[in-house]
Amino acid sequence: MKLHIVNCAPDAGRVVQQALSAMTTDDRLLLIEDGVQGALPSLVDGFSGIEGRLYVLREDLEARGLMSRHDDRVTVVDVDGFVTLTEQAEQTLSWY
């Protein structure tokens, strides 16, 4: 399993598309920094096909005032959860 980390908002170019196209069925995707905007209900459909494998960093949601606005289909992890995801992954890929 690979962990793909996206720090860009879904509407900030092709980064999200490139990350999704590089993913296999075992890979996971973590949204951080401005990428957490992808966890909003109006944007989360762009991640269809990876249900159960889409994560968002709690601290970045909170920093942007989005904690109570994220879609329930996204799993929220804190920094410790981020570390756990990286420990479970064979490889970590950052997309920016």
PDB file of N, CA and C in Angstrom:
ATOM      1  N   MET A   1       0.833  -1.178   0.000  1.00  0.00           N
ATOM      2  CA  MET A   1       0.000   0.000   0.000  1.00  0.00           C
ATOM      3  C   MET A   1       0.881   1.247   0.000  1.00  0.00           C
ATOM      4  N   LYS A   2       0.475   2.214  -0.828  1.00  0.00           N
ATOM      5  CA  LYS A   2       1.154   3.506  -0.859  1.00  0.00           C
ATOM      6  C   LYS A   2       0.223   4.550  -0.261  1.00  0.00           C
ATOM      7  N   LEU A   3       0.816   5.525   0.384  1.00  0.00           N
ATOM      8  CA  LEU A   3       0.063   6.660   0.910  1.00  0.00           C
ATOM      9  C   LEU A   3       0.352   7.856   0.015  1.00  0.00           C
ATOM     10  N   HIS A   4      -0.695   8.384  -0.597  1.00  0.00           N
ATOM     11  CA  HIS A   4      -0.591   9.573  -1.437  1.00  0.00           C
ATOM     12  C   HIS A   4      -1.051  10.760  -0.586  1.00  0.00           C
ATOM     13  N   ILE A   5      -0.242  11.809  -0.536  1.00  0.00           N
ATOM     14  CA  ILE A   5      -0.541  12.987   0.270  1.00  0.00           C
ATOM     15  C   ILE A   5      -0.706  14.170  -0.667  1.00  0.00           C
ATOM     16  N   VAL A   6      -1.872  14.817  -0.597  1.00  0.00           N
ATOM     17  CA  VAL A   6      -2.173  15.960  -1.461  1.00  0.00           C
ATOM     18  C   VAL A   6      -2.337  17.195  -0.599  1.00  0.00           C
ATOM     19  N   ASN A   7      -1.588  18.253  -0.938  1.00  0.00           N
ATOM     20  CA  ASN A   7      -1.694  19.483  -0.156  1.00  0.00           C
ATOM     21  C   ASN A   7      -2.338  20.631  -0.920  1.00  0.00           C
ATOM     22  N   CYS A   8      -2.862  20.364  -2.108  1.00  0.00           N
ATOM     23  CA  CYS A   8      -3.484  21.402  -2.939  1.00  0.00           C
ATOM     24  C   CYS A   8      -4.998  21.237  -2.960  1.00  0.00           C
ATOM     25  N   ALA A   9      -5.683  22.352  -3.048  1.00  0.00           N
ATOM     26  CA  ALA A   9      -7.135  22.311  -3.191  1.00  0.00           C
ATOM     27  C   ALA A   9      -7.487  21.627  -4.512  1.00  0.00           C
ATOM     28  N   PRO A  10      -8.616  20.923  -4.552  1.00  0.00           N
ATOM     29  CA  PRO A  10      -8.995  20.207  -5.766  1.00  0.00           C
ATOM     30  C   PRO A  10      -9.115  21.078  -7.010  1.00  0.00           C
ATOM     31  N   ASP A  11      -9.391  22.358  -6.839  1.00  0.00           N
ATOM     32  CA  ASP A  11      -9.536  23.248  -7.993  1.00  0.00           C
ATOM     33  C   ASP A  11      -8.250  24.009  -8.333  1.00  0.00           C
ATOM     34  N   ALA A  12      -7.124  23.576  -7.771  1.00  0.00           N
ATOM     35  CA  ALA A  12      -5.844  24.269  -7.978  1.00  0.00           C
ATOM     36  C   ALA A  12      -4.975  23.544  -9.004  1.00  0.00           C
ATOM     37  N   GLY A  13      -5.554  23.169 -10.110  1.00  0.00           N
ATOM     38  CA  GLY A  13      -4.780  22.493 -11.146  1.00  0.00           C
ATOM     39  C   GLY A  13      -5.083  21.010 -11.217  1.00  0.00           C
ATOM     40  N   ARG A  14      -4.143  20.257 -11.749  1.00  0.00           N
ATOM     41  CA  ARG A  14      -4.336  18.841 -12.017  1.00  0.00           C
ATOM     42  C   ARG A  14      -3.749  17.912 -10.950  1.00  0.00           C
ATOM     43  N   VAL A  15      -3.308  18.446  -9.861  1.00  0.00           N
ATOM     44  CA  VAL A  15      -2.622  17.647  -8.842  1.00  0.00           C
ATOM     45  C   VAL A  15      -3.495  16.495  -8.343  1.00  0.00           C
ATOM     46  N   VAL A  16      -4.734  16.782  -7.997  1.00  0.00           N
ATOM     47  CA  VAL A  16      -5.617  15.736  -7.475  1.00  0.00           C
ATOM     48  C   VAL A  16      -5.836  14.662  -8.537  1.00  0.00           C
ATOM     49  N   GLN A  17      -6.089  15.078  -9.770  1.00  0.00           N
ATOM     50  CA  GLN A  17      -6.285  14.108 -10.857  1.00  0.00           C
ATOM     51  C   GLN A  17      -5.063  13.225 -11.037  1.00  0.00           C
ATOM     52  N   GLN A  18      -3.894  13.815 -10.979  1.00  0.00           N
ATOM     53  CA  GLN A  18      -2.663  13.043 -11.144  1.00  0.00           C
ATOM     54  C   GLN A  18      -2.488  12.038 -10.009  1.00  0.00           C
ATOM     55  N   ALA A  19      -2.763  12.457  -8.791  1.00  0.00           N
ATOM     56  CA  ALA A  19      -2.652  11.547  -7.644  1.00  0.00           C
ATOM     57  C   ALA A  19      -3.643  10.397  -7.771  1.00  0.00           C
ATOM     58  N   LEU A  20      -4.882  10.710  -8.118  1.00  0.00           N
ATOM     59  CA  LEU A  20      -5.898   9.667  -8.253  1.00  0.00           C
ATOM     60  C   LEU A  20      -5.553   8.684  -9.364  1.00  0.00           C
ATOM     61  N   SER A  21      -5.004   9.178 -10.456  1.00  0.00           N
ATOM     62  CA  SER A  21      -4.674   8.280 -11.564  1.00  0.00           C
ATOM     63  C   SER A  21      -3.481   7.386 -11.233  1.00  0.00           C
ATOM     64  N   ALA A  22      -2.668   7.792 -10.278  1.00  0.00           N
ATOM     65  CA  ALA A  22      -1.503   6.995  -9.880  1.00  0.00           C
ATOM     66  C   ALA A  22      -1.843   5.952  -8.812  1.00  0.00           C
ATOM     67  N   MET A  23      -3.032   6.048  -8.241  1.00  0.00           N
ATOM     68  CA  MET A  23      -3.412   5.157  -7.143  1.00  0.00           C
ATOM     69  C   MET A  23      -3.839   3.784  -7.642  1.00  0.00           C
ATOM     70  N   THR A  24      -3.518   2.761  -6.835  1.00  0.00           N
ATOM     71  CA  THR A  24      -4.020   1.413  -7.068  1.00  0.00           C
ATOM     72  C   THR A  24      -5.136   1.149  -6.062  1.00  0.00           C
ATOM     73  N   THR A  25      -5.744  -0.014  -6.141  1.00  0.00           N
ATOM     74  CA  THR A  25      -6.882  -0.324  -5.270  1.00  0.00           C
ATOM     75  C   THR A  25      -6.514  -0.475  -3.800  1.00  0.00           C
ATOM     76  N   ASP A  26      -5.227  -0.631  -3.496  1.00  0.00           N
ATOM     77  CA  ASP A  26      -4.789  -0.755  -2.106  1.00  0.00           C
ATOM     78  C   ASP A  26      -4.307   0.563  -1.505  1.00  0.00           C
ATOM     79  N   ASP A  27      -4.090   1.557  -2.335  1.00  0.00           N
ATOM     80  CA  ASP A  27      -3.512   2.819  -1.880  1.00  0.00           C
ATOM     81  C   ASP A  27      -4.524   3.662  -1.114  1.00  0.00           C
ATOM     82  N   ARG A  28      -3.981   4.598  -0.331  1.00  0.00           N
ATOM     83  CA  ARG A  28      -4.792   5.535   0.445  1.00  0.00           C
ATOM     84  C   ARG A  28      -4.394   6.958   0.081  1.00  0.00           C
ATOM     85  N   LEU A  29      -5.323   7.894   0.294  1.00  0.00           N
ATOM     86  CA  LEU A  29      -5.088   9.298  -0.018  1.00  0.00           C
ATOM     87  C   LEU A  29      -5.358  10.134   1.220  1.00  0.00           C
ATOM     88  N   LEU A  30      -4.401  10.985   1.571  1.00  0.00           N
ATOM     89  CA  LEU A  30      -4.532  11.887   2.714  1.00  0.00           C
ATOM     90  C   LEU A  30      -4.502  13.319   2.212  1.00  0.00           C
ATOM     91  N   LEU A  31      -5.529  14.088   2.589  1.00  0.00           N
ATOM     92  CA  LEU A  31      -5.606  15.504   2.241  1.00  0.00           C
ATOM     93  C   LEU A  31      -5.058  16.328   3.400  1.00  0.00           C
ATOM     94  N   ILE A  32      -4.099  17.199   3.089  1.00  0.00           N
ATOM     95  CA  ILE A  32      -3.510  18.073   4.110  1.00  0.00           C
ATOM     96  C   ILE A  32      -3.502  19.506   3.586  1.00  0.00           C
ATOM     97  N   GLU A  33      -3.149  20.439   4.457  1.00  0.00           N
ATOM     98  CA  GLU A  33      -3.040  21.859   4.112  1.00  0.00           C
ATOM     99  C   GLU A  33      -4.276  22.294   3.315  1.00  0.00           C
ATOM    100  N   ASP A  34      -4.112  22.982   2.179  1.00  0.00           N
ATOM    101  CA  ASP A  34      -5.271  23.430   1.404  1.00  0.00           C
ATOM    102  C   ASP A  34      -6.030  22.272   0.761  1.00  0.00           C
ATOM    103  N   GLY A  35      -5.419  21.105   0.704  1.00  0.00           N
ATOM    104  CA  GLY A  35      -6.081  19.934   0.148  1.00  0.00           C
ATOM    105  C   GLY A  35      -7.307  19.519   0.934  1.00  0.00           C
ATOM    106  N   VAL A  36      -7.391  19.940   2.214  1.00  0.00           N
ATOM    107  CA  VAL A  36      -8.539  19.549   3.042  1.00  0.00           C
ATOM    108  C   VAL A  36      -9.853  20.086   2.493  1.00  0.00           C
ATOM    109  N   GLN A  37      -9.787  21.064   1.611  1.00  0.00           N
ATOM    110  CA  GLN A  37     -11.012  21.570   0.989  1.00  0.00           C
ATOM    111  C   GLN A  37     -11.734  20.463   0.217  1.00  0.00           C
ATOM    112  N   GLY A  38     -10.992  19.460  -0.223  1.00  0.00           N
ATOM    113  CA  GLY A  38     -11.580  18.329  -0.919  1.00  0.00           C
ATOM    114  C   GLY A  38     -12.496  17.495  -0.053  1.00  0.00           C
ATOM    115  N   ALA A  39     -12.459  17.704   1.253  1.00  0.00           N
ATOM    116  CA  ALA A  39     -13.326  16.972   2.174  1.00  0.00           C
ATOM    117  C   ALA A  39     -14.702  17.612   2.308  1.00  0.00           C
ATOM    118  N   LEU A  40     -14.893  18.765   1.702  1.00  0.00           N
ATOM    119  CA  LEU A  40     -16.201  19.426   1.758  1.00  0.00           C
ATOM    120  C   LEU A  40     -17.218  18.649   0.929  1.00  0.00           C
ATOM    121  N   PRO A  41     -18.468  18.611   1.361  1.00  0.00           N
ATOM    122  CA  PRO A  41     -19.490  17.859   0.626  1.00  0.00           C
ATOM    123  C   PRO A  41     -19.594  18.242  -0.848  1.00  0.00           C
ATOM    124  N   SER A  42     -19.362  19.498  -1.172  1.00  0.00           N
ATOM    125  CA  SER A  42     -19.477  19.938  -2.565  1.00  0.00           C
ATOM    126  C   SER A  42     -18.318  19.451  -3.437  1.00  0.00           C
ATOM    127  N   LEU A  43     -17.222  18.987  -2.839  1.00  0.00           N
ATOM    128  CA  LEU A  43     -16.044  18.568  -3.600  1.00  0.00           C
ATOM    129  C   LEU A  43     -15.679  17.094  -3.430  1.00  0.00           C
ATOM    130  N   VAL A  44     -16.213  16.449  -2.430  1.00  0.00           N
ATOM    131  CA  VAL A  44     -15.797  15.078  -2.117  1.00  0.00           C
ATOM    132  C   VAL A  44     -16.166  14.079  -3.219  1.00  0.00           C
ATOM    133  N   ASP A  45     -17.162  14.373  -4.016  1.00  0.00           N
ATOM    134  CA  ASP A  45     -17.531  13.461  -5.105  1.00  0.00           C
ATOM    135  C   ASP A  45     -16.398  13.299  -6.113  1.00  0.00           C
ATOM    136  N   GLY A  46     -15.471  14.242  -6.143  1.00  0.00           N
ATOM    137  CA  GLY A  46     -14.303  14.125  -7.011  1.00  0.00           C
ATOM    138  C   GLY A  46     -13.382  12.983  -6.595  1.00  0.00           C
ATOM    139  N   PHE A  47     -13.632  12.405  -5.436  1.00  0.00           N
ATOM    140  CA  PHE A  47     -12.824  11.297  -4.933  1.00  0.00           C
ATOM    141  C   PHE A  47     -13.609   9.979  -4.952  1.00  0.00           C
ATOM    142  N   SER A  48     -14.661   9.921  -5.756  1.00  0.00           N
ATOM    143  CA  SER A  48     -15.436   8.679  -5.833  1.00  0.00           C
ATOM    144  C   SER A  48     -14.525   7.566  -6.353  1.00  0.00           C
ATOM    145  N   GLY A  49     -14.764   6.403  -5.870  1.00  0.00           N
ATOM    146  CA  GLY A  49     -13.923   5.271  -6.246  1.00  0.00           C
ATOM    147  C   GLY A  49     -12.876   4.932  -5.204  1.00  0.00           C
ATOM    148  N   ILE A  50     -12.649   5.836  -4.247  1.00  0.00           N
ATOM    149  CA  ILE A  50     -11.682   5.525  -3.189  1.00  0.00           C
ATOM    150  C   ILE A  50     -12.336   5.600  -1.807  1.00  0.00           C
ATOM    151  N   GLU A  51     -13.640   5.340  -1.764  1.00  0.00           N
ATOM    152  CA  GLU A  51     -14.354   5.348  -0.495  1.00  0.00           C
ATOM    153  C   GLU A  51     -13.663   4.417   0.495  1.00  0.00           C
ATOM    154  N   GLY A  52     -13.559   4.881   1.732  1.00  0.00           N
ATOM    155  CA  GLY A  52     -12.899   4.092   2.766  1.00  0.00           C
ATOM    156  C   GLY A  52     -11.391   4.225   2.759  1.00  0.00           C
ATOM    157  N   ARG A  53     -10.863   4.922   1.758  1.00  0.00           N
ATOM    158  CA  ARG A  53      -9.400   5.102   1.661  1.00  0.00           C
ATOM    159  C   ARG A  53      -9.027   6.572   1.557  1.00  0.00           C
ATOM    160  N   LEU A  54      -9.984   7.455   1.878  1.00  0.00           N
ATOM    161  CA  LEU A  54      -9.772   8.899   1.806  1.00  0.00           C
ATOM    162  C   LEU A  54      -9.723   9.466   3.219  1.00  0.00           C
ATOM    163  N   TYR A  55      -8.622  10.140   3.522  1.00  0.00           N
ATOM    164  CA  TYR A  55      -8.379  10.689   4.860  1.00  0.00           C
ATOM    165  C   TYR A  55      -8.125  12.187   4.765  1.00  0.00           C
ATOM    166  N   VAL A  56      -8.369  12.880   5.864  1.00  0.00           N
ATOM    167  CA  VAL A  56      -8.116  14.313   5.935  1.00  0.00           C
ATOM    168  C   VAL A  56      -7.511  14.616   7.307  1.00  0.00           C
ATOM    169  N   LEU A  57      -6.577  15.555   7.333  1.00  0.00           N
ATOM    170  CA  LEU A  57      -5.868  15.884   8.569  1.00  0.00           C
ATOM    171  C   LEU A  57      -6.678  16.870   9.412  1.00  0.00           C
ATOM    172  N   ARG A  58      -7.011  16.427  10.618  1.00  0.00           N
ATOM    173  CA  ARG A  58      -7.837  17.215  11.538  1.00  0.00           C
ATOM    174  C   ARG A  58      -7.277  18.622  11.787  1.00  0.00           C
ATOM    175  N   GLU A  59      -6.005  18.706  12.057  1.00  0.00           N
ATOM    176  CA  GLU A  59      -5.413  19.993  12.400  1.00  0.00           C
ATOM    177  C   GLU A  59      -5.560  21.009  11.258  1.00  0.00           C
ATOM    178  N   ASP A  60      -5.484  20.539  10.024  1.00  0.00           N
ATOM    179  CA  ASP A  60      -5.647  21.452   8.887  1.00  0.00           C
ATOM    180  C   ASP A  60      -7.109  21.813   8.659  1.00  0.00           C
ATOM    181  N   LEU A  61      -8.020  20.888   8.935  1.00  0.00           N
ATOM    182  CA  LEU A  61      -9.450  21.230   8.898  1.00  0.00           C
ATOM    183  C   LEU A  61      -9.746  22.320   9.918  1.00  0.00           C
ATOM    184  N   GLU A  62      -9.256  22.130  11.141  1.00  0.00           N
ATOM    185  CA  GLU A  62      -9.501  23.098  12.207  1.00  0.00           C
ATOM    186  C   GLU A  62      -8.886  24.452  11.878  1.00  0.00           C
ATOM    187  N   ALA A  63      -7.679  24.466  11.342  1.00  0.00           N
ATOM    188  CA  ALA A  63      -6.996  25.724  11.026  1.00  0.00           C
ATOM    189  C   ALA A  63      -7.752  26.537   9.978  1.00  0.00           C
ATOM    190  N   ARG A  64      -8.544  25.852   9.154  1.00  0.00           N
ATOM    191  CA  ARG A  64      -9.286  26.528   8.086  1.00  0.00           C
ATOM    192  C   ARG A  64     -10.776  26.682   8.420  1.00  0.00           C
ATOM    193  N   GLY A  65     -11.145  26.342   9.647  1.00  0.00           N
ATOM    194  CA  GLY A  65     -12.531  26.479  10.075  1.00  0.00           C
ATOM    195  C   GLY A  65     -13.483  25.519   9.382  1.00  0.00           C
ATOM    196  N   LEU A  66     -12.984  24.361   8.966  1.00  0.00           N
ATOM    197  CA  LEU A  66     -13.796  23.409   8.206  1.00  0.00           C
ATOM    198  C   LEU A  66     -14.142  22.142   8.981  1.00  0.00           C
ATOM    199  N   MET A  67     -13.782  22.074  10.243  1.00  0.00           N
ATOM    200  CA  MET A  67     -13.943  20.832  11.000  1.00  0.00           C
ATOM    201  C   MET A  67     -15.384  20.333  10.992  1.00  0.00           C
ATOM    202  N   SER A  68     -16.328  21.185  11.199  1.00  0.00           N
ATOM    203  CA  SER A  68     -17.723  20.747  11.267  1.00  0.00           C
ATOM    204  C   SER A  68     -18.387  20.713   9.892  1.00  0.00           C
ATOM    205  N   ARG A  69     -17.633  21.048   8.851  1.00  0.00           N
ATOM    206  CA  ARG A  69     -18.213  21.134   7.510  1.00  0.00           C
ATOM    207  C   ARG A  69     -17.768  20.011   6.583  1.00  0.00           C
ATOM    208  N   HIS A  70     -16.895  19.106   7.031  1.00  0.00           N
ATOM    209  CA  HIS A  70     -16.405  18.042   6.159  1.00  0.00           C
ATOM    210  C   HIS A  70     -17.466  16.964   5.944  1.00  0.00           C
ATOM    211  N   ASP A  71     -17.337  16.252   4.853  1.00  0.00           N
ATOM    212  CA  ASP A  71     -18.264  15.176   4.507  1.00  0.00           C
ATOM    213  C   ASP A  71     -17.968  13.947   5.360  1.00  0.00           C
ATOM    214  N   ASP A  72     -19.004  13.225   5.738  1.00  0.00           N
ATOM    215  CA  ASP A  72     -18.849  12.045   6.596  1.00  0.00           C
ATOM    216  C   ASP A  72     -18.161  10.882   5.888  1.00  0.00           C
ATOM    217  N   ARG A  73     -18.035  10.926   4.568  1.00  0.00           N
ATOM    218  CA  ARG A  73     -17.370   9.851   3.827  1.00  0.00           C
ATOM    219  C   ARG A  73     -15.850   9.932   3.924  1.00  0.00           C
ATOM    220  N   VAL A  74     -15.348  11.009   4.525  1.00  0.00           N
ATOM    221  CA  VAL A  74     -13.911  11.211   4.685  1.00  0.00           C
ATOM    222  C   VAL A  74     -13.534  10.877   6.126  1.00  0.00           C
ATOM    223  N   THR A  75     -12.476  10.105   6.302  1.00  0.00           N
ATOM    224  CA  THR A  75     -11.998   9.750   7.637  1.00  0.00           C
ATOM    225  C   THR A  75     -11.042  10.830   8.133  1.00  0.00           C
ATOM    226  N   VAL A  76     -11.357  11.402   9.274  1.00  0.00           N
ATOM    227  CA  VAL A  76     -10.529  12.445   9.864  1.00  0.00           C
ATOM    228  C   VAL A  76      -9.470  11.789  10.747  1.00  0.00           C
ATOM    229  N   VAL A  77      -8.207  12.153  10.528  1.00  0.00           N
ATOM    230  CA  VAL A  77      -7.110  11.670  11.368  1.00  0.00           C
ATOM    231  C   VAL A  77      -6.343  12.855  11.928  1.00  0.00           C
ATOM    232  N   ASP A  78      -5.808  12.672  13.121  1.00  0.00           N
ATOM    233  CA  ASP A  78      -4.948  13.699  13.701  1.00  0.00           C
ATOM    234  C   ASP A  78      -3.499  13.395  13.306  1.00  0.00           C
ATOM    235  N   VAL A  79      -2.571  14.132  13.857  1.00  0.00           N
ATOM    236  CA  VAL A  79      -1.158  13.937  13.511  1.00  0.00           C
ATOM    237  C   VAL A  79      -0.710  12.514  13.842  1.00  0.00           C
ATOM    238  N   ASP A  80      -1.163  11.975  14.955  1.00  0.00           N
ATOM    239  CA  ASP A  80      -0.811  10.592  15.290  1.00  0.00           C
ATOM    240  C   ASP A  80      -1.347   9.620  14.244  1.00  0.00           C
ATOM    241  N   GLY A  81      -2.559   9.874  13.743  1.00  0.00           N
ATOM    242  CA  GLY A  81      -3.121   9.053  12.683  1.00  0.00           C
ATOM    243  C   GLY A  81      -2.338   9.177  11.394  1.00  0.00           C
ATOM    244  N   PHE A  82      -1.840  10.368  11.121  1.00  0.00           N
ATOM    245  CA  PHE A  82      -0.977  10.617   9.961  1.00  0.00           C
ATOM    246  C   PHE A  82       0.277   9.743  10.069  1.00  0.00           C
ATOM    247  N   VAL A  83       0.870   9.738  11.245  1.00  0.00           N
ATOM    248  CA  VAL A  83       2.066   8.929  11.468  1.00  0.00           C
ATOM    249  C   VAL A  83       1.747   7.446  11.268  1.00  0.00           C
ATOM    250  N   THR A  84       0.615   7.007  11.795  1.00  0.00           N
ATOM    251  CA  THR A  84       0.209   5.610  11.631  1.00  0.00           C
ATOM    252  C   THR A  84       0.046   5.252  10.156  1.00  0.00           C
ATOM    253  N   LEU A  85      -0.588   6.129   9.386  1.00  0.00           N
ATOM    254  CA  LEU A  85      -0.746   5.875   7.953  1.00  0.00           C
ATOM    255  C   LEU A  85       0.610   5.744   7.258  1.00  0.00           C
ATOM    256  N   THR A  86       1.556   6.597   7.621  1.00  0.00           N
ATOM    257  CA  THR A  86       2.878   6.521   6.987  1.00  0.00           C
ATOM    258  C   THR A  86       3.615   5.253   7.404  1.00  0.00           C
ATOM    259  N   GLU A  87       3.419   4.827   8.644  1.00  0.00           N
ATOM    260  CA  GLU A  87       4.061   3.587   9.108  1.00  0.00           C
ATOM    261  C   GLU A  87       3.495   2.359   8.388  1.00  0.00           C
ATOM    262  N   GLN A  88       2.221   2.390   8.057  1.00  0.00           N
ATOM    263  CA  GLN A  88       1.578   1.271   7.381  1.00  0.00           C
ATOM    264  C   GLN A  88       1.931   1.213   5.889  1.00  0.00           C
ATOM    265  N   ALA A  89       2.338   2.318   5.336  1.00  0.00           N
ATOM    266  CA  ALA A  89       2.599   2.396   3.897  1.00  0.00           C
ATOM    267  C   ALA A  89       3.993   1.903   3.543  1.00  0.00           C
ATOM    268  N   GLU A  90       4.086   1.235   2.411  1.00  0.00           N
ATOM    269  CA  GLU A  90       5.388   0.820   1.875  1.00  0.00           C
ATOM    270  C   GLU A  90       6.133   2.043   1.340  1.00  0.00           C
ATOM    271  N   GLN A  91       5.350   2.992   0.822  1.00  0.00           N
ATOM    272  CA  GLN A  91       5.920   4.192   0.208  1.00  0.00           C
ATOM    273  C   GLN A  91       4.944   5.345   0.418  1.00  0.00           C
ATOM    274  N   THR A  92       5.490   6.534   0.575  1.00  0.00           N
ATOM    275  CA  THR A  92       4.681   7.742   0.707  1.00  0.00           C
ATOM    276  C   THR A  92       5.008   8.665  -0.449  1.00  0.00           C
ATOM    277  N   LEU A  93       3.958   9.164  -1.119  1.00  0.00           N
ATOM    278  CA  LEU A  93       4.127  10.058  -2.256  1.00  0.00           C
ATOM    279  C   LEU A  93       3.441  11.370  -1.955  1.00  0.00           C
ATOM    280  N   SER A  94       4.155  12.475  -2.097  1.00  0.00           N
ATOM    281  CA  SER A  94       3.568  13.801  -1.869  1.00  0.00           C
ATOM    282  C   SER A  94       3.270  14.452  -3.202  1.00  0.00           C
ATOM    283  N   TRP A  95       2.050  14.977  -3.319  1.00  0.00           N
ATOM    284  CA  TRP A  95       1.602  15.656  -4.533  1.00  0.00           C
ATOM    285  C   TRP A  95       1.358  17.112  -4.185  1.00  0.00           C
ATOM    286  N   TYR A  96       2.026  17.997  -4.907  1.00  0.00           N
ATOM    287  CA  TYR A  96       1.873  19.444  -4.652  1.00  0.00           C
ATOM    288  C   TYR A  96       2.021  20.231  -5.917  1.00  0.00           C
TER     289      TYR A  96
END
